[in-house]
């Protein structure tokens, strides 16, 4: 575990220690908990969806898709989504 030195108002630290003791924990544990919550705010709440690549029946890419072109993939995926909406 890493040590971190921070500068805080002495009275604030004293009051925080008292509150942590009243809650049955330590000030260090509370700081770890708050820092972890702070970091989690930036994480997506739902897992990222991995787009399905348009493949043919043989497992390779569908005819007409250029593997060196992102635009070709995006257009094929958009067309696939349009077909799914019609069903």
C-alpha atoms as a PDB file:
ATOM      1  CA  UNK A   1       0.000   0.000   0.000  1.00  0.00           C
ATOM      2  CA  UNK A   2       1.279   3.493  -0.836  1.00  0.00           C
ATOM      3  CA  UNK A   3       1.645   6.305   1.674  1.00  0.00           C
ATOM      4  CA  UNK A   4       0.331   9.754   0.769  1.00  0.00           C
ATOM      5  CA  UNK A   5       1.210  13.008   2.468  1.00  0.00           C
ATOM      6  CA  UNK A   6      -1.444  15.722   2.274  1.00  0.00           C
ATOM      7  CA  UNK A   7      -1.882  19.060   4.023  1.00  0.00           C
ATOM      8  CA  UNK A   8      -5.168  19.521   5.897  1.00  0.00           C
ATOM      9  CA  UNK A   9      -6.511  21.825   8.551  1.00  0.00           C
ATOM     10  CA  UNK A  10      -5.686  20.335  11.983  1.00  0.00           C
ATOM     11  CA  UNK A  11      -9.202  20.906  13.315  1.00  0.00           C
ATOM     12  CA  UNK A  12     -10.710  19.178  10.277  1.00  0.00           C
ATOM     13  CA  UNK A  13      -8.468  16.136  10.794  1.00  0.00           C
ATOM     14  CA  UNK A  14      -9.340  16.015  14.504  1.00  0.00           C
ATOM     15  CA  UNK A  15     -13.089  16.134  13.804  1.00  0.00           C
ATOM     16  CA  UNK A  16     -12.762  13.567  11.000  1.00  0.00           C
ATOM     17  CA  UNK A  17     -10.847  11.162  13.284  1.00  0.00           C
ATOM     18  CA  UNK A  18     -13.538  11.480  15.954  1.00  0.00           C
ATOM     19  CA  UNK A  19     -16.294  10.804  13.415  1.00  0.00           C
ATOM     20  CA  UNK A  20     -14.412   7.805  11.979  1.00  0.00           C
ATOM     21  CA  UNK A  21     -13.983   6.328  15.474  1.00  0.00           C
ATOM     22  CA  UNK A  22     -17.697   6.841  16.140  1.00  0.00           C
ATOM     23  CA  UNK A  23     -18.407   4.915  12.932  1.00  0.00           C
ATOM     24  CA  UNK A  24     -16.064   2.110  14.005  1.00  0.00           C
ATOM     25  CA  UNK A  25     -13.451   2.754  11.364  1.00  0.00           C
ATOM     26  CA  UNK A  26     -10.272   4.768  10.830  1.00  0.00           C
ATOM     27  CA  UNK A  27      -9.649   8.025   9.049  1.00  0.00           C
ATOM     28  CA  UNK A  28      -7.327   6.204   6.636  1.00  0.00           C
ATOM     29  CA  UNK A  29     -10.097   3.743   5.758  1.00  0.00           C
ATOM     30  CA  UNK A  30     -12.543   6.609   5.157  1.00  0.00           C
ATOM     31  CA  UNK A  31     -10.051   8.423   2.904  1.00  0.00           C
ATOM     32  CA  UNK A  32      -9.468   5.199   0.913  1.00  0.00           C
ATOM     33  CA  UNK A  33     -13.240   4.724   0.584  1.00  0.00           C
ATOM     34  CA  UNK A  34     -13.799   8.313  -0.586  1.00  0.00           C
ATOM     35  CA  UNK A  35     -10.886   8.199  -3.013  1.00  0.00           C
ATOM     36  CA  UNK A  36     -12.162   4.928  -4.508  1.00  0.00           C
ATOM     37  CA  UNK A  37     -15.642   6.465  -4.941  1.00  0.00           C
ATOM     38  CA  UNK A  38     -14.060   9.513  -6.576  1.00  0.00           C
ATOM     39  CA  UNK A  39     -12.228   7.324  -9.100  1.00  0.00           C
ATOM     40  CA  UNK A  40     -15.311   5.201  -9.854  1.00  0.00           C
ATOM     41  CA  UNK A  41     -17.223   8.332 -10.944  1.00  0.00           C
ATOM     42  CA  UNK A  42     -15.239   8.377 -14.183  1.00  0.00           C
ATOM     43  CA  UNK A  43     -15.900   4.736 -15.002  1.00  0.00           C
ATOM     44  CA  UNK A  44     -18.837   3.863 -17.253  1.00  0.00           C
ATOM     45  CA  UNK A  45     -21.761   2.452 -15.280  1.00  0.00           C
ATOM     46  CA  UNK A  46     -22.586  -0.093 -17.980  1.00  0.00           C
ATOM     47  CA  UNK A  47     -20.100  -2.265 -19.799  1.00  0.00           C
ATOM     48  CA  UNK A  48     -19.114  -1.044 -23.228  1.00  0.00           C
ATOM     49  CA  UNK A  49     -20.894  -2.841 -26.054  1.00  0.00           C
ATOM     50  CA  UNK A  50     -18.549  -4.506 -28.503  1.00  0.00           C
ATOM     51  CA  UNK A  51     -19.972  -4.087 -31.987  1.00  0.00           C
ATOM     52  CA  UNK A  52     -20.622  -7.212 -33.991  1.00  0.00           C
ATOM     53  CA  UNK A  53     -18.574  -7.321 -37.166  1.00  0.00           C
ATOM     54  CA  UNK A  54     -20.564  -8.112 -40.296  1.00  0.00           C
ATOM     55  CA  UNK A  55     -19.559 -11.636 -41.269  1.00  0.00           C
ATOM     56  CA  UNK A  56     -20.715 -14.023 -43.914  1.00  0.00           C
ATOM     57  CA  UNK A  57     -21.788 -17.623 -43.353  1.00  0.00           C
ATOM     58  CA  UNK A  58     -18.225 -18.893 -43.715  1.00  0.00           C
ATOM     59  CA  UNK A  59     -17.000 -16.773 -40.801  1.00  0.00           C
ATOM     60  CA  UNK A  60     -15.148 -14.278 -42.978  1.00  0.00           C
ATOM     61  CA  UNK A  61     -16.197 -10.750 -43.772  1.00  0.00           C
ATOM     62  CA  UNK A  62     -19.235 -10.217 -45.932  1.00  0.00           C
ATOM     63  CA  UNK A  63     -18.546  -9.505 -49.616  1.00  0.00           C
ATOM     64  CA  UNK A  64     -18.003  -5.832 -50.369  1.00  0.00           C
ATOM     65  CA  UNK A  65     -16.392  -4.950 -47.026  1.00  0.00           C
ATOM     66  CA  UNK A  66     -12.903  -3.491 -47.297  1.00  0.00           C
ATOM     67  CA  UNK A  67     -10.910  -4.667 -44.235  1.00  0.00           C
ATOM     68  CA  UNK A  68      -8.582  -1.651 -44.551  1.00  0.00           C
ATOM     69  CA  UNK A  69     -11.467   0.848 -44.356  1.00  0.00           C
ATOM     70  CA  UNK A  70     -13.148   1.821 -41.089  1.00  0.00           C
ATOM     71  CA  UNK A  71     -15.881   3.538 -43.092  1.00  0.00           C
ATOM     72  CA  UNK A  72     -16.647   0.247 -44.831  1.00  0.00           C
ATOM     73  CA  UNK A  73     -17.114  -1.459 -41.437  1.00  0.00           C
ATOM     74  CA  UNK A  74     -19.276   1.363 -40.052  1.00  0.00           C
ATOM     75  CA  UNK A  75     -21.518   1.381 -43.110  1.00  0.00           C
ATOM     76  CA  UNK A  76     -21.937  -2.403 -42.939  1.00  0.00           C
ATOM     77  CA  UNK A  77     -22.765  -2.261 -39.214  1.00  0.00           C
ATOM     78  CA  UNK A  78     -25.257   0.566 -39.796  1.00  0.00           C
ATOM     79  CA  UNK A  79     -26.920  -1.442 -42.560  1.00  0.00           C
ATOM     80  CA  UNK A  80     -27.076  -4.455 -40.229  1.00  0.00           C
ATOM     81  CA  UNK A  81     -28.752  -2.323 -37.529  1.00  0.00           C
ATOM     82  CA  UNK A  82     -31.303  -1.052 -40.087  1.00  0.00           C
ATOM     83  CA  UNK A  83     -32.195  -4.655 -40.984  1.00  0.00           C
ATOM     84  CA  UNK A  84     -32.662  -5.507 -37.285  1.00  0.00           C
ATOM     85  CA  UNK A  85     -35.044  -2.534 -36.836  1.00  0.00           C
ATOM     86  CA  UNK A  86     -37.229  -3.796 -39.692  1.00  0.00           C
ATOM     87  CA  UNK A  87     -37.730  -7.209 -38.099  1.00  0.00           C
END
